[in-house]
């Protein structure tokens, strides 16, 4: 775990300023995910397993909101469907879980 406030600030700024723009949904997700992984290396928190699970889900929810917020407008109907769900999907596919938002298949990118 690294501890560098200026690096965290720079990575956070890149995340904040990220938009889909001309990127495909997968390219946009991979860009954000790479930045999130890099930021996670700087943010080691010591907590019990139960708190860690709760915190991870909280962070994941914020990342879902960021991802959905800055998708291009043509994804508005999907964004509304996803946000209307009782339980948000995971942002990335987890083993043994079919409720994920990003699928790396040619026919289906956003799952809802």
PDB file of N, CA and C in Angstrom:
ATOM      1  N   UNK A   1       0.842  -1.176   0.000  1.00  0.00           N
ATOM      2  CA  UNK A   1       0.000   0.000   0.000  1.00  0.00           C
ATOM      3  C   UNK A   1       0.890   1.244   0.000  1.00  0.00           C
ATOM      4  N   UNK A   2       0.567   2.160  -0.867  1.00  0.00           N
ATOM      5  CA  UNK A   2       1.318   3.398  -0.975  1.00  0.00           C
ATOM      6  C   UNK A   2       0.579   4.493  -0.213  1.00  0.00           C
ATOM      7  N   UNK A   3       1.288   5.547   0.140  1.00  0.00           N
ATOM      8  CA  UNK A   3       0.645   6.669   0.809  1.00  0.00           C
ATOM      9  C   UNK A   3       1.156   7.951   0.176  1.00  0.00           C
ATOM     10  N   UNK A   4       0.423   8.487  -0.766  1.00  0.00           N
ATOM     11  CA  UNK A   4       0.844   9.679  -1.479  1.00  0.00           C
ATOM     12  C   UNK A   4      -0.389  10.502  -1.818  1.00  0.00           C
ATOM     13  N   UNK A   5      -0.616  11.546  -1.045  1.00  0.00           N
ATOM     14  CA  UNK A   5      -1.819  12.361  -1.224  1.00  0.00           C
ATOM     15  C   UNK A   5      -1.884  13.010  -2.597  1.00  0.00           C
ATOM     16  N   UNK A   6      -0.746  13.467  -3.117  1.00  0.00           N
ATOM     17  CA  UNK A   6      -0.779  14.124  -4.427  1.00  0.00           C
ATOM     18  C   UNK A   6      -1.131  13.125  -5.529  1.00  0.00           C
ATOM     19  N   UNK A   7      -0.650  11.893  -5.423  1.00  0.00           N
ATOM     20  CA  UNK A   7      -1.005  10.871  -6.416  1.00  0.00           C
ATOM     21  C   UNK A   7      -2.490  10.536  -6.324  1.00  0.00           C
ATOM     22  N   UNK A   8      -3.013  10.411  -5.102  1.00  0.00           N
ATOM     23  CA  UNK A   8      -4.448  10.148  -4.920  1.00  0.00           C
ATOM     24  C   UNK A   8      -5.272  11.277  -5.511  1.00  0.00           C
ATOM     25  N   UNK A   9      -4.829  12.495  -5.296  1.00  0.00           N
ATOM     26  CA  UNK A   9      -5.537  13.655  -5.839  1.00  0.00           C
ATOM     27  C   UNK A   9      -5.535  13.619  -7.365  1.00  0.00           C
ATOM     28  N   UNK A  10      -4.387  13.338  -7.961  1.00  0.00           N
ATOM     29  CA  UNK A  10      -4.282  13.280  -9.426  1.00  0.00           C
ATOM     30  C   UNK A  10      -5.176  12.188 -10.005  1.00  0.00           C
ATOM     31  N   UNK A  11      -5.148  11.023  -9.403  1.00  0.00           N
ATOM     32  CA  UNK A  11      -5.981   9.911  -9.883  1.00  0.00           C
ATOM     33  C   UNK A  11      -7.458  10.257  -9.698  1.00  0.00           C
ATOM     34  N   UNK A  12      -7.802  10.808  -8.543  1.00  0.00           N
ATOM     35  CA  UNK A  12      -9.183  11.220  -8.293  1.00  0.00           C
ATOM     36  C   UNK A  12      -9.661  12.256  -9.296  1.00  0.00           C
ATOM     37  N   UNK A  13      -8.783  13.179  -9.665  1.00  0.00           N
ATOM     38  CA  UNK A  13      -9.134  14.185 -10.676  1.00  0.00           C
ATOM     39  C   UNK A  13      -9.387  13.544 -12.032  1.00  0.00           C
ATOM     40  N   UNK A  14      -8.557  12.581 -12.395  1.00  0.00           N
ATOM     41  CA  UNK A  14      -8.759  11.873 -13.666  1.00  0.00           C
ATOM     42  C   UNK A  14     -10.092  11.134 -13.660  1.00  0.00           C
ATOM     43  N   UNK A  15     -10.430  10.507 -12.543  1.00  0.00           N
ATOM     44  CA  UNK A  15     -11.711   9.803 -12.429  1.00  0.00           C
ATOM     45  C   UNK A  15     -12.855  10.804 -12.555  1.00  0.00           C
ATOM     46  N   UNK A  16     -12.767  11.894 -11.813  1.00  0.00           N
ATOM     47  CA  UNK A  16     -13.821  12.910 -11.817  1.00  0.00           C
ATOM     48  C   UNK A  16     -14.050  13.479 -13.215  1.00  0.00           C
ATOM     49  N   UNK A  17     -12.978  13.678 -13.963  1.00  0.00           N
ATOM     50  CA  UNK A  17     -13.074  14.295 -15.287  1.00  0.00           C
ATOM     51  C   UNK A  17     -13.314  13.300 -16.416  1.00  0.00           C
ATOM     52  N   UNK A  18     -13.381  12.025 -16.122  1.00  0.00           N
ATOM     53  CA  UNK A  18     -13.591  11.009 -17.162  1.00  0.00           C
ATOM     54  C   UNK A  18     -15.017  11.061 -17.690  1.00  0.00           C
ATOM     55  N   UNK A  19     -15.144  10.971 -19.003  1.00  0.00           N
ATOM     56  CA  UNK A  19     -16.433  10.915 -19.692  1.00  0.00           C
ATOM     57  C   UNK A  19     -16.321   9.865 -20.784  1.00  0.00           C
ATOM     58  N   UNK A  20     -17.460   9.309 -21.204  1.00  0.00           N
ATOM     59  CA  UNK A  20     -17.419   8.314 -22.268  1.00  0.00           C
ATOM     60  C   UNK A  20     -16.948   8.945 -23.573  1.00  0.00           C
ATOM     61  N   UNK A  21     -17.552  10.063 -23.956  1.00  0.00           N
ATOM     62  CA  UNK A  21     -17.152  10.740 -25.185  1.00  0.00           C
ATOM     63  C   UNK A  21     -17.172   9.813 -26.383  1.00  0.00           C
ATOM     64  N   UNK A  22     -16.040   9.679 -27.056  1.00  0.00           N
ATOM     65  CA  UNK A  22     -15.942   8.836 -28.252  1.00  0.00           C
ATOM     66  C   UNK A  22     -15.551   7.393 -27.935  1.00  0.00           C
ATOM     67  N   UNK A  23     -15.343   7.085 -26.661  1.00  0.00           N
ATOM     68  CA  UNK A  23     -14.973   5.721 -26.279  1.00  0.00           C
ATOM     69  C   UNK A  23     -16.187   4.805 -26.346  1.00  0.00           C
ATOM     70  N   UNK A  24     -15.947   3.538 -26.617  1.00  0.00           N
ATOM     71  CA  UNK A  24     -17.024   2.554 -26.486  1.00  0.00           C
ATOM     72  C   UNK A  24     -17.319   2.397 -24.997  1.00  0.00           C
ATOM     73  N   UNK A  25     -18.425   1.769 -24.673  1.00  0.00           N
ATOM     74  CA  UNK A  25     -18.770   1.546 -23.267  1.00  0.00           C
ATOM     75  C   UNK A  25     -17.677   0.738 -22.578  1.00  0.00           C
ATOM     76  N   UNK A  26     -17.194  -0.304 -23.248  1.00  0.00           N
ATOM     77  CA  UNK A  26     -16.129  -1.138 -22.663  1.00  0.00           C
ATOM     78  C   UNK A  26     -14.854  -0.327 -22.470  1.00  0.00           C
ATOM     79  N   UNK A  27     -14.462   0.475 -23.460  1.00  0.00           N
ATOM     80  CA  UNK A  27     -13.255   1.293 -23.323  1.00  0.00           C
ATOM     81  C   UNK A  27     -13.401   2.287 -22.167  1.00  0.00           C
ATOM     82  N   UNK A  28     -14.582   2.883 -22.054  1.00  0.00           N
ATOM     83  CA  UNK A  28     -14.837   3.827 -20.962  1.00  0.00           C
ATOM     84  C   UNK A  28     -14.746   3.113 -19.612  1.00  0.00           C
ATOM     85  N   UNK A  29     -15.383   1.951 -19.507  1.00  0.00           N
ATOM     86  CA  UNK A  29     -15.324   1.174 -18.268  1.00  0.00           C
ATOM     87  C   UNK A  29     -13.878   0.792 -17.937  1.00  0.00           C
ATOM     88  N   UNK A  30     -13.134   0.307 -18.922  1.00  0.00           N
ATOM     89  CA  UNK A  30     -11.753  -0.117 -18.673  1.00  0.00           C
ATOM     90  C   UNK A  30     -10.880   1.054 -18.232  1.00  0.00           C
ATOM     91  N   UNK A  31     -11.125   2.233 -18.790  1.00  0.00           N
ATOM     92  CA  UNK A  31     -10.391   3.428 -18.372  1.00  0.00           C
ATOM     93  C   UNK A  31     -10.663   3.735 -16.902  1.00  0.00           C
ATOM     94  N   UNK A  32     -11.955   3.790 -16.545  1.00  0.00           N
ATOM     95  CA  UNK A  32     -12.312   4.052 -15.148  1.00  0.00           C
ATOM     96  C   UNK A  32     -11.797   2.955 -14.227  1.00  0.00           C
ATOM     97  N   UNK A  33     -11.974   1.712 -14.630  1.00  0.00           N
ATOM     98  CA  UNK A  33     -11.555   0.595 -13.787  1.00  0.00           C
ATOM     99  C   UNK A  33     -10.050   0.632 -13.526  1.00  0.00           C
ATOM    100  N   UNK A  34      -9.267   0.954 -14.537  1.00  0.00           N
ATOM    101  CA  UNK A  34      -7.821   1.072 -14.351  1.00  0.00           C
ATOM    102  C   UNK A  34      -7.466   2.152 -13.340  1.00  0.00           C
ATOM    103  N   UNK A  35      -8.165   3.286 -13.422  1.00  0.00           N
ATOM    104  CA  UNK A  35      -7.933   4.361 -12.459  1.00  0.00           C
ATOM    105  C   UNK A  35      -8.374   3.949 -11.060  1.00  0.00           C
ATOM    106  N   UNK A  36      -9.505   3.260 -10.953  1.00  0.00           N
ATOM    107  CA  UNK A  36      -9.978   2.801  -9.639  1.00  0.00           C
ATOM    108  C   UNK A  36      -9.001   1.807  -9.017  1.00  0.00           C
ATOM    109  N   UNK A  37      -8.463   0.903  -9.834  1.00  0.00           N
ATOM    110  CA  UNK A  37      -7.480  -0.065  -9.328  1.00  0.00           C
ATOM    111  C   UNK A  37      -6.241   0.670  -8.826  1.00  0.00           C
ATOM    112  N   UNK A  38      -5.785   1.654  -9.608  1.00  0.00           N
ATOM    113  CA  UNK A  38      -4.619   2.435  -9.209  1.00  0.00           C
ATOM    114  C   UNK A  38      -4.892   3.182  -7.897  1.00  0.00           C
ATOM    115  N   UNK A  39      -6.068   3.789  -7.777  1.00  0.00           N
ATOM    116  CA  UNK A  39      -6.421   4.513  -6.556  1.00  0.00           C
ATOM    117  C   UNK A  39      -6.514   3.570  -5.358  1.00  0.00           C
ATOM    118  N   UNK A  40      -7.060   2.377  -5.578  1.00  0.00           N
ATOM    119  CA  UNK A  40      -7.193   1.398  -4.491  1.00  0.00           C
ATOM    120  C   UNK A  40      -5.840   1.032  -3.882  1.00  0.00           C
ATOM    121  N   UNK A  41      -4.774   1.097  -4.682  1.00  0.00           N
ATOM    122  CA  UNK A  41      -3.441   0.766  -4.172  1.00  0.00           C
ATOM    123  C   UNK A  41      -2.981   1.770  -3.115  1.00  0.00           C
ATOM    124  N   UNK A  42      -3.546   2.954  -3.148  1.00  0.00           N
ATOM    125  CA  UNK A  42      -3.178   3.993  -2.188  1.00  0.00           C
ATOM    126  C   UNK A  42      -4.090   4.026  -0.971  1.00  0.00           C
ATOM    127  N   UNK A  43      -5.199   3.319  -1.020  1.00  0.00           N
ATOM    128  CA  UNK A  43      -6.200   3.459   0.029  1.00  0.00           C
ATOM    129  C   UNK A  43      -6.413   2.166   0.804  1.00  0.00           C
ATOM    130  N   UNK A  44      -5.422   1.748   1.515  1.00  0.00           N
ATOM    131  CA  UNK A  44      -5.562   0.550   2.334  1.00  0.00           C
ATOM    132  C   UNK A  44      -6.205   0.893   3.665  1.00  0.00           C
ATOM    133  N   UNK A  45      -7.303   0.263   3.957  1.00  0.00           N
ATOM    134  CA  UNK A  45      -7.989   0.488   5.223  1.00  0.00           C
ATOM    135  C   UNK A  45      -7.999  -0.810   6.011  1.00  0.00           C
ATOM    136  N   UNK A  46      -7.727  -0.705   7.288  1.00  0.00           N
ATOM    137  CA  UNK A  46      -7.756  -1.896   8.140  1.00  0.00           C
ATOM    138  C   UNK A  46      -9.110  -1.952   8.829  1.00  0.00           C
ATOM    139  N   UNK A  47      -9.837  -3.046   8.587  1.00  0.00           N
ATOM    140  CA  UNK A  47     -11.150  -3.218   9.201  1.00  0.00           C
ATOM    141  C   UNK A  47     -11.506  -4.687   9.217  1.00  0.00           C
ATOM    142  N   UNK A  48     -12.502  -5.025  10.005  1.00  0.00           N
ATOM    143  CA  UNK A  48     -12.938  -6.414  10.075  1.00  0.00           C
ATOM    144  C   UNK A  48     -13.608  -6.812   8.760  1.00  0.00           C
ATOM    145  N   UNK A  49     -13.768  -8.111   8.556  1.00  0.00           N
ATOM    146  CA  UNK A  49     -14.317  -8.620   7.299  1.00  0.00           C
ATOM    147  C   UNK A  49     -15.719  -8.072   7.019  1.00  0.00           C
ATOM    148  N   UNK A  50     -16.579  -8.035   8.025  1.00  0.00           N
ATOM    149  CA  UNK A  50     -17.951  -7.540   7.826  1.00  0.00           C
ATOM    150  C   UNK A  50     -17.943  -6.074   7.397  1.00  0.00           C
ATOM    151  N   UNK A  51     -17.114  -5.261   8.054  1.00  0.00           N
ATOM    152  CA  UNK A  51     -17.016  -3.853   7.678  1.00  0.00           C
ATOM    153  C   UNK A  51     -16.423  -3.703   6.283  1.00  0.00           C
ATOM    154  N   UNK A  52     -15.463  -4.548   5.960  1.00  0.00           N
ATOM    155  CA  UNK A  52     -14.836  -4.513   4.644  1.00  0.00           C
ATOM    156  C   UNK A  52     -15.850  -4.796   3.541  1.00  0.00           C
ATOM    157  N   UNK A  53     -16.719  -5.770   3.756  1.00  0.00           N
ATOM    158  CA  UNK A  53     -17.752  -6.109   2.770  1.00  0.00           C
ATOM    159  C   UNK A  53     -18.714  -4.939   2.602  1.00  0.00           C
ATOM    160  N   UNK A  54     -19.135  -4.346   3.708  1.00  0.00           N
ATOM    161  CA  UNK A  54     -20.045  -3.199   3.659  1.00  0.00           C
ATOM    162  C   UNK A  54     -19.392  -2.019   2.949  1.00  0.00           C
ATOM    163  N   UNK A  55     -18.141  -1.739   3.289  1.00  0.00           N
ATOM    164  CA  UNK A  55     -17.425  -0.625   2.674  1.00  0.00           C
ATOM    165  C   UNK A  55     -17.220  -0.858   1.177  1.00  0.00           C
ATOM    166  N   UNK A  56     -16.866  -2.077   0.806  1.00  0.00           N
ATOM    167  CA  UNK A  56     -16.650  -2.402  -0.601  1.00  0.00           C
ATOM    168  C   UNK A  56     -17.922  -2.184  -1.404  1.00  0.00           C
ATOM    169  N   UNK A  57     -19.056  -2.601  -0.871  1.00  0.00           N
ATOM    170  CA  UNK A  57     -20.334  -2.402  -1.568  1.00  0.00           C
ATOM    171  C   UNK A  57     -20.664  -0.910  -1.679  1.00  0.00           C
ATOM    172  N   UNK A  58     -20.345  -0.133  -0.637  1.00  0.00           N
ATOM    173  CA  UNK A  58     -20.549   1.313  -0.664  1.00  0.00           C
ATOM    174  C   UNK A  58     -19.707   1.959  -1.771  1.00  0.00           C
ATOM    175  N   UNK A  59     -18.439   1.584  -1.855  1.00  0.00           N
ATOM    176  CA  UNK A  59     -17.546   2.109  -2.889  1.00  0.00           C
ATOM    177  C   UNK A  59     -18.047   1.693  -4.269  1.00  0.00           C
ATOM    178  N   UNK A  60     -18.446   0.434  -4.401  1.00  0.00           N
ATOM    179  CA  UNK A  60     -18.961  -0.082  -5.675  1.00  0.00           C
ATOM    180  C   UNK A  60     -20.179   0.723  -6.132  1.00  0.00           C
ATOM    181  N   UNK A  61     -21.057   1.056  -5.213  1.00  0.00           N
ATOM    182  CA  UNK A  61     -22.255   1.834  -5.548  1.00  0.00           C
ATOM    183  C   UNK A  61     -21.863   3.212  -6.092  1.00  0.00           C
ATOM    184  N   UNK A  62     -20.912   3.858  -5.459  1.00  0.00           N
ATOM    185  CA  UNK A  62     -20.423   5.148  -5.943  1.00  0.00           C
ATOM    186  C   UNK A  62     -19.807   5.038  -7.325  1.00  0.00           C
ATOM    187  N   UNK A  63     -19.110   3.952  -7.570  1.00  0.00           N
ATOM    188  CA  UNK A  63     -18.495   3.747  -8.884  1.00  0.00           C
ATOM    189  C   UNK A  63     -19.551   3.486  -9.953  1.00  0.00           C
ATOM    190  N   UNK A  64     -20.606   2.774  -9.596  1.00  0.00           N
ATOM    191  CA  UNK A  64     -21.713   2.559 -10.535  1.00  0.00           C
ATOM    192  C   UNK A  64     -22.333   3.902 -10.895  1.00  0.00           C
ATOM    193  N   UNK A  65     -22.568   4.754  -9.893  1.00  0.00           N
ATOM    194  CA  UNK A  65     -23.154   6.069 -10.150  1.00  0.00           C
ATOM    195  C   UNK A  65     -22.249   6.900 -11.061  1.00  0.00           C
ATOM    196  N   UNK A  66     -20.945   6.889 -10.815  1.00  0.00           N
ATOM    197  CA  UNK A  66     -20.000   7.637 -11.654  1.00  0.00           C
ATOM    198  C   UNK A  66     -20.049   7.116 -13.085  1.00  0.00           C
ATOM    199  N   UNK A  67     -19.979   5.812 -13.250  1.00  0.00           N
ATOM    200  CA  UNK A  67     -19.996   5.202 -14.581  1.00  0.00           C
ATOM    201  C   UNK A  67     -21.273   5.583 -15.327  1.00  0.00           C
ATOM    202  N   UNK A  68     -22.417   5.409 -14.689  1.00  0.00           N
ATOM    203  CA  UNK A  68     -23.694   5.702 -15.339  1.00  0.00           C
ATOM    204  C   UNK A  68     -23.853   7.190 -15.635  1.00  0.00           C
ATOM    205  N   UNK A  69     -23.403   8.032 -14.729  1.00  0.00           N
ATOM    206  CA  UNK A  69     -23.565   9.479 -14.887  1.00  0.00           C
ATOM    207  C   UNK A  69     -22.895   9.996 -16.149  1.00  0.00           C
ATOM    208  N   UNK A  70     -21.749   9.468 -16.479  1.00  0.00           N
ATOM    209  CA  UNK A  70     -20.983  10.020 -17.588  1.00  0.00           C
ATOM    210  C   UNK A  70     -21.011   9.175 -18.850  1.00  0.00           C
ATOM    211  N   UNK A  71     -21.972   8.252 -18.930  1.00  0.00           N
ATOM    212  CA  UNK A  71     -22.224   7.584 -20.206  1.00  0.00           C
ATOM    213  C   UNK A  71     -22.867   8.588 -21.153  1.00  0.00           C
ATOM    214  N   UNK A  72     -22.739   8.365 -22.439  1.00  0.00           N
ATOM    215  CA  UNK A  72     -23.376   9.231 -23.423  1.00  0.00           C
ATOM    216  C   UNK A  72     -24.892   9.147 -23.309  1.00  0.00           C
ATOM    217  N   UNK A  73     -25.574  10.157 -23.835  1.00  0.00           N
ATOM    218  CA  UNK A  73     -27.029  10.277 -23.686  1.00  0.00           C
ATOM    219  C   UNK A  73     -27.815   9.141 -24.309  1.00  0.00           C
ATOM    220  N   UNK A  74     -27.270   8.472 -25.312  1.00  0.00           N
ATOM    221  CA  UNK A  74     -28.030   7.376 -25.926  1.00  0.00           C
ATOM    222  C   UNK A  74     -28.268   6.222 -24.952  1.00  0.00           C
ATOM    223  N   UNK A  75     -27.547   6.223 -23.840  1.00  0.00           N
ATOM    224  CA  UNK A  75     -27.734   5.181 -22.827  1.00  0.00           C
ATOM    225  C   UNK A  75     -28.704   5.603 -21.721  1.00  0.00           C
ATOM    226  N   UNK A  76     -29.369   6.746 -21.871  1.00  0.00           N
ATOM    227  CA  UNK A  76     -30.325   7.207 -20.852  1.00  0.00           C
ATOM    228  C   UNK A  76     -31.393   6.171 -20.508  1.00  0.00           C
ATOM    229  N   UNK A  77     -32.029   5.508 -21.493  1.00  0.00           N
ATOM    230  CA  UNK A  77     -33.057   4.520 -21.131  1.00  0.00           C
ATOM    231  C   UNK A  77     -32.501   3.370 -20.278  1.00  0.00           C
ATOM    232  N   UNK A  78     -31.302   2.932 -20.590  1.00  0.00           N
ATOM    233  CA  UNK A  78     -30.681   1.854 -19.818  1.00  0.00           C
ATOM    234  C   UNK A  78     -30.323   2.354 -18.420  1.00  0.00           C
ATOM    235  N   UNK A  79     -29.803   3.583 -18.355  1.00  0.00           N
ATOM    236  CA  UNK A  79     -29.450   4.187 -17.059  1.00  0.00           C
ATOM    237  C   UNK A  79     -30.684   4.232 -16.148  1.00  0.00           C
ATOM    238  N   UNK A  80     -31.824   4.664 -16.702  1.00  0.00           N
ATOM    239  CA  UNK A  80     -33.065   4.746 -15.925  1.00  0.00           C
ATOM    240  C   UNK A  80     -33.492   3.362 -15.444  1.00  0.00           C
ATOM    241  N   UNK A  81     -33.389   2.364 -16.320  1.00  0.00           N
ATOM    242  CA  UNK A  81     -33.761   0.994 -15.936  1.00  0.00           C
ATOM    243  C   UNK A  81     -32.875   0.478 -14.808  1.00  0.00           C
ATOM    244  N   UNK A  82     -31.583   0.715 -14.926  1.00  0.00           N
ATOM    245  CA  UNK A  82     -30.643   0.230 -13.909  1.00  0.00           C
ATOM    246  C   UNK A  82     -30.902   0.917 -12.569  1.00  0.00           C
ATOM    247  N   UNK A  83     -31.076   2.234 -12.593  1.00  0.00           N
ATOM    248  CA  UNK A  83     -31.292   2.973 -11.348  1.00  0.00           C
ATOM    249  C   UNK A  83     -32.662   2.699 -10.739  1.00  0.00           C
ATOM    250  N   UNK A  84     -33.596   2.195 -11.539  1.00  0.00           N
ATOM    251  CA  UNK A  84     -34.921   1.855 -11.039  1.00  0.00           C
ATOM    252  C   UNK A  84     -34.993   0.498 -10.366  1.00  0.00           C
ATOM    253  N   UNK A  85     -33.923  -0.276 -10.467  1.00  0.00           N
ATOM    254  CA  UNK A  85     -33.910  -1.599  -9.837  1.00  0.00           C
ATOM    255  C   UNK A  85     -33.856  -1.465  -8.316  1.00  0.00           C
ATOM    256  N   UNK A  86     -34.447  -2.426  -7.649  1.00  0.00           N
ATOM    257  CA  UNK A  86     -34.406  -2.435  -6.188  1.00  0.00           C
ATOM    258  C   UNK A  86     -32.971  -2.626  -5.693  1.00  0.00           C
ATOM    259  N   UNK A  87     -32.224  -3.502  -6.364  1.00  0.00           N
ATOM    260  CA  UNK A  87     -30.830  -3.763  -5.996  1.00  0.00           C
ATOM    261  C   UNK A  87     -29.965  -3.499  -7.222  1.00  0.00           C
ATOM    262  N   UNK A  88     -28.963  -2.648  -7.059  1.00  0.00           N
ATOM    263  CA  UNK A  88     -28.073  -2.342  -8.174  1.00  0.00           C
ATOM    264  C   UNK A  88     -27.221  -3.557  -8.519  1.00  0.00           C
ATOM    265  N   UNK A  89     -26.916  -3.731  -9.803  1.00  0.00           N
ATOM    266  CA  UNK A  89     -26.019  -4.826 -10.181  1.00  0.00           C
ATOM    267  C   UNK A  89     -24.591  -4.484  -9.772  1.00  0.00           C
ATOM    268  N   UNK A  90     -23.721  -5.483  -9.787  1.00  0.00           N
ATOM    269  CA  UNK A  90     -22.300  -5.218  -9.590  1.00  0.00           C
ATOM    270  C   UNK A  90     -21.790  -4.517 -10.837  1.00  0.00           C
ATOM    271  N   UNK A  91     -20.774  -3.690 -10.675  1.00  0.00           N
ATOM    272  CA  UNK A  91     -20.213  -2.987 -11.816  1.00  0.00           C
ATOM    273  C   UNK A  91     -19.476  -3.947 -12.731  1.00  0.00           C
ATOM    274  N   UNK A  92     -18.734  -4.854 -12.151  1.00  0.00           N
ATOM    275  CA  UNK A  92     -17.998  -5.817 -12.962  1.00  0.00           C
ATOM    276  C   UNK A  92     -18.420  -7.219 -12.570  1.00  0.00           C
ATOM    277  N   UNK A  93     -18.232  -8.115 -13.488  1.00  0.00           N
ATOM    278  CA  UNK A  93     -18.685  -9.488 -13.282  1.00  0.00           C
ATOM    279  C   UNK A  93     -17.926 -10.150 -12.139  1.00  0.00           C
ATOM    280  N   UNK A  94     -18.663 -10.793 -11.293  1.00  0.00           N
ATOM    281  CA  UNK A  94     -18.091 -11.555 -10.188  1.00  0.00           C
ATOM    282  C   UNK A  94     -18.323 -13.035 -10.473  1.00  0.00           C
ATOM    283  N   UNK A  95     -17.424 -13.898 -10.032  1.00  0.00           N
ATOM    284  CA  UNK A  95     -17.686 -15.321 -10.215  1.00  0.00           C
ATOM    285  C   UNK A  95     -18.987 -15.717  -9.526  1.00  0.00           C
ATOM    286  N   UNK A  96     -19.741 -16.575 -10.131  1.00  0.00           N
ATOM    287  CA  UNK A  96     -20.997 -17.095  -9.574  1.00  0.00           C
ATOM    288  C   UNK A  96     -22.081 -16.032  -9.424  1.00  0.00           C
ATOM    289  N   UNK A  97     -21.961 -14.887 -10.082  1.00  0.00           N
ATOM    290  CA  UNK A  97     -23.003 -13.866  -9.976  1.00  0.00           C
ATOM    291  C   UNK A  97     -23.361 -13.366 -11.359  1.00  0.00           C
ATOM    292  N   UNK A  98     -24.616 -13.475 -11.689  1.00  0.00           N
ATOM    293  CA  UNK A  98     -25.073 -13.058 -13.007  1.00  0.00           C
ATOM    294  C   UNK A  98     -25.591 -11.623 -13.020  1.00  0.00           C
ATOM    295  N   UNK A  99     -25.694 -10.975 -11.862  1.00  0.00           N
ATOM    296  CA  UNK A  99     -26.234  -9.619 -11.826  1.00  0.00           C
ATOM    297  C   UNK A  99     -25.101  -8.605 -11.923  1.00  0.00           C
ATOM    298  N   UNK A 100     -24.528  -8.467 -13.094  1.00  0.00           N
ATOM    299  CA  UNK A 100     -23.455  -7.513 -13.274  1.00  0.00           C
ATOM    300  C   UNK A 100     -23.825  -6.520 -14.360  1.00  0.00           C
ATOM    301  N   UNK A 101     -23.180  -5.386 -14.331  1.00  0.00           N
ATOM    302  CA  UNK A 101     -23.477  -4.311 -15.252  1.00  0.00           C
ATOM    303  C   UNK A 101     -22.672  -4.434 -16.534  1.00  0.00           C
ATOM    304  N   UNK A 102     -21.433  -4.823 -16.451  1.00  0.00           N
ATOM    305  CA  UNK A 102     -20.552  -4.896 -17.615  1.00  0.00           C
ATOM    306  C   UNK A 102     -20.356  -6.346 -18.008  1.00  0.00           C
ATOM    307  N   UNK A 103     -20.633  -6.645 -19.254  1.00  0.00           N
ATOM    308  CA  UNK A 103     -20.375  -7.974 -19.821  1.00  0.00           C
ATOM    309  C   UNK A 103     -19.479  -7.769 -21.032  1.00  0.00           C
ATOM    310  N   UNK A 104     -18.416  -8.515 -21.117  1.00  0.00           N
ATOM    311  CA  UNK A 104     -17.529  -8.392 -22.264  1.00  0.00           C
ATOM    312  C   UNK A 104     -17.921  -9.386 -23.347  1.00  0.00           C
ATOM    313  N   UNK A 105     -19.118  -9.248 -23.851  1.00  0.00           N
ATOM    314  CA  UNK A 105     -19.555 -10.054 -24.978  1.00  0.00           C
ATOM    315  C   UNK A 105     -19.891  -9.106 -26.110  1.00  0.00           C
ATOM    316  N   UNK A 106     -19.749  -9.560 -27.350  1.00  0.00           N
ATOM    317  CA  UNK A 106     -20.003  -8.650 -28.464  1.00  0.00           C
ATOM    318  C   UNK A 106     -21.460  -8.218 -28.576  1.00  0.00           C
ATOM    319  N   UNK A 107     -22.393  -9.012 -28.062  1.00  0.00           N
ATOM    320  CA  UNK A 107     -23.802  -8.689 -28.247  1.00  0.00           C
ATOM    321  C   UNK A 107     -24.418  -7.944 -27.079  1.00  0.00           C
ATOM    322  N   UNK A 108     -23.840  -8.039 -25.901  1.00  0.00           N
ATOM    323  CA  UNK A 108     -24.446  -7.393 -24.738  1.00  0.00           C
ATOM    324  C   UNK A 108     -23.364  -6.782 -23.870  1.00  0.00           C
ATOM    325  N   UNK A 109     -23.367  -5.470 -23.788  1.00  0.00           N
ATOM    326  CA  UNK A 109     -22.367  -4.779 -22.992  1.00  0.00           C
ATOM    327  C   UNK A 109     -22.940  -4.368 -21.645  1.00  0.00           C
ATOM    328  N   UNK A 110     -24.101  -3.743 -21.658  1.00  0.00           N
ATOM    329  CA  UNK A 110     -24.736  -3.353 -20.405  1.00  0.00           C
ATOM    330  C   UNK A 110     -25.834  -4.337 -20.078  1.00  0.00           C
ATOM    331  N   UNK A 111     -25.819  -4.850 -18.879  1.00  0.00           N
ATOM    332  CA  UNK A 111     -26.844  -5.796 -18.415  1.00  0.00           C
ATOM    333  C   UNK A 111     -27.811  -5.033 -17.536  1.00  0.00           C
ATOM    334  N   UNK A 112     -29.066  -5.283 -17.717  1.00  0.00           N
ATOM    335  CA  UNK A 112     -30.048  -4.634 -16.836  1.00  0.00           C
ATOM    336  C   UNK A 112     -31.139  -5.518 -16.536  1.00  0.00           C
TER     337      UNK A 112
END
